[in-house]
Protein backbone atom coordinates (compact mmCIF):
# COMPACT_ATOMS: atom_id res chain seq x y z
CA MET A 1 109.68 245.84 -93.89
CA ASP A 2 106.71 245.76 -91.92
CA GLY A 3 107.05 242.81 -89.81
CA GLN A 4 107.45 240.17 -92.50
CA ILE A 5 110.27 237.75 -92.59
CA PRO A 6 111.85 236.99 -96.10
CA VAL A 7 110.99 233.35 -96.81
CA THR A 8 112.64 232.79 -100.24
CA LEU A 9 116.08 233.92 -101.52
CA ASP A 10 114.36 236.17 -103.84
CA GLU A 11 112.34 237.53 -101.30
CA GLU A 12 115.49 238.08 -99.00
CA GLY A 13 117.42 239.66 -101.83
CA ALA A 14 114.78 241.89 -102.61
CA ALA A 15 114.14 243.14 -98.66
CA LEU A 16 117.87 243.52 -98.78
CA SER A 17 118.17 246.13 -101.71
CA ARG A 18 115.20 247.57 -100.76
CA GLY A 19 117.29 248.73 -97.78
CA ALA A 20 120.08 249.88 -100.14
CA ASP A 21 120.68 253.98 -100.88
CA ARG A 22 118.91 254.26 -104.04
CA ASP A 23 119.22 257.37 -106.48
CA SER A 24 115.84 258.40 -107.91
CA LEU A 25 116.07 259.33 -111.98
CA PHE A 26 115.23 259.25 -114.98
CA LEU A 27 117.41 257.21 -117.62
CA GLN A 28 117.12 254.55 -120.28
CA ALA A 29 118.89 251.29 -120.84
CA SER A 30 118.86 248.64 -122.93
CA LEU A 31 117.26 245.34 -121.41
CA LEU A 32 118.58 241.87 -122.88
CA LEU A 33 115.79 239.07 -122.09
CA PRO A 34 116.18 235.53 -122.94
CA GLY A 35 114.22 234.42 -125.91
CA ARG A 36 114.44 237.93 -127.48
CA PRO A 37 117.23 238.42 -130.00
CA ASP A 38 116.95 242.40 -130.02
CA PRO A 39 117.59 244.58 -126.53
CA VAL A 40 114.75 246.32 -125.19
CA ILE A 41 114.62 249.82 -124.40
CA VAL A 42 113.48 250.28 -120.55
CA ARG A 43 113.06 253.64 -118.11
CA VAL A 44 115.43 253.40 -115.00
CA ARG A 45 113.06 254.78 -112.67
CA ASN A 46 115.70 254.14 -109.56
CA LEU A 47 118.87 252.86 -109.28
CA SER A 48 121.18 251.38 -106.35
CA ALA A 49 124.47 249.54 -106.56
CA GLY A 50 122.43 246.01 -105.97
CA GLY A 51 119.89 246.60 -108.51
CA MET A 52 117.18 249.23 -110.12
CA LEU A 53 113.33 249.55 -110.96
CA ALA A 54 112.88 249.24 -114.40
CA GLU A 55 109.46 250.31 -116.21
CA SER A 56 108.67 248.74 -119.89
CA PRO A 57 105.53 247.69 -121.41
CA VAL A 58 107.43 244.29 -122.33
CA SER A 59 106.47 241.49 -119.63
CA VAL A 60 109.32 239.99 -117.65
CA THR A 61 109.17 236.77 -115.64
CA GLU A 62 110.01 237.14 -112.30
CA GLY A 63 113.18 235.05 -111.35
CA ALA A 64 114.60 235.34 -115.50
CA ALA A 65 118.09 236.12 -115.85
CA ILE A 66 118.70 239.18 -117.43
CA ALA A 67 121.57 241.48 -118.35
CA VAL A 68 121.02 245.22 -118.86
CA GLU A 69 123.25 248.25 -120.56
CA LEU A 70 123.75 250.69 -118.22
CA GLY A 71 125.65 254.19 -119.39
CA ASN A 72 129.35 254.37 -118.49
CA VAL A 73 129.40 251.12 -116.75
CA GLY A 74 128.36 248.39 -119.64
CA ARG A 75 126.18 245.39 -119.14
CA VAL A 76 125.45 244.32 -115.97
CA SER A 77 124.10 240.68 -115.29
CA GLY A 78 121.12 240.14 -112.83
CA ARG A 79 117.71 238.46 -112.19
CA VAL A 80 114.37 239.88 -112.24
CA VAL A 81 112.97 240.04 -108.40
CA TRP A 82 109.79 241.18 -109.07
CA ALA A 83 107.50 242.16 -111.42
CA GLY A 84 104.12 243.62 -111.95
CA GLU A 85 101.90 246.50 -114.02
CA GLY A 86 104.38 247.40 -116.23
CA LYS A 87 107.41 248.02 -113.47
CA PHE A 88 109.92 245.21 -112.55
CA GLY A 89 112.82 245.17 -109.74
CA ILE A 90 116.21 243.67 -110.71
CA ALA A 91 118.76 242.58 -108.50
CA PHE A 92 122.37 242.89 -110.14
CA ASP A 93 124.94 239.98 -110.05
CA GLN A 94 127.82 242.30 -109.02
CA GLN A 95 127.14 245.92 -107.53
CA VAL A 96 127.60 248.91 -109.87
CA ASN A 97 128.75 252.66 -109.07
CA PRO A 98 125.37 254.65 -109.38
CA GLN A 99 126.92 257.73 -109.74
CA ALA A 100 129.08 256.54 -112.78
CA VAL A 101 125.77 255.55 -114.41
CA ARG A 102 124.59 259.30 -113.76
CA ARG A 103 127.72 260.96 -115.51
CA GLN A 104 127.48 262.42 -118.58
CA VAL A 105 130.41 262.44 -121.12
CA VAL A 106 130.51 265.66 -123.06
CA GLN A 107 132.94 266.32 -126.20
CA LYS A 108 135.03 269.33 -126.53
CA SER A 109 132.49 270.56 -128.80
CA ASP A 110 129.83 270.74 -125.94
CA LEU A 111 131.66 272.84 -123.86
CA PRO A 112 131.03 276.59 -123.77
CA PRO A 113 133.86 278.47 -125.74
CA HIS A 114 135.54 279.42 -122.64
CA LEU A 115 136.03 276.17 -120.87
CA ARG A 116 137.57 274.88 -124.23
CA ARG A 117 141.40 273.99 -124.22
CA SER A 118 143.52 271.89 -126.84
CA GLY A 119 143.62 268.51 -126.22
CA LEU A 120 140.40 268.13 -124.14
CA GLU A 121 138.79 266.22 -127.12
CA ARG A 122 141.00 263.18 -126.78
CA VAL A 123 139.75 262.63 -123.15
CA PRO A 124 136.05 262.22 -122.09
CA ILE A 125 135.17 264.73 -119.85
CA TYR A 126 132.54 264.16 -117.06
CA ARG A 127 130.03 266.73 -115.97
CA ARG A 128 129.09 266.58 -112.30
CA ARG A 129 125.21 266.62 -111.50
């Protein structure tokens, strides 16, 4: 952390989340911002159990309370810990499982014929990545 000591809780939280294992990826998520009736689609550039880096042309305010809809996990609340030049960092209020977010749910019809079995269409199948 280049020798600087965090001086606020926001900086301390951001410093802790930067040390967490992060998955670099390219996903989309729906961001719910205060004062906006409709969700905003953002690109998720990296994701850890404690937060994420998002990219969007919509400006966000540092410290704003937000919620984000993540695939296979659902709505996760958090706050913006930093913002700048179309990107911003979000610290989640509760940890998420990044691997669950990355899983793709496939339907029976998405499977090759040799993998189709009766009954699979009723239960989601998770494809490992």
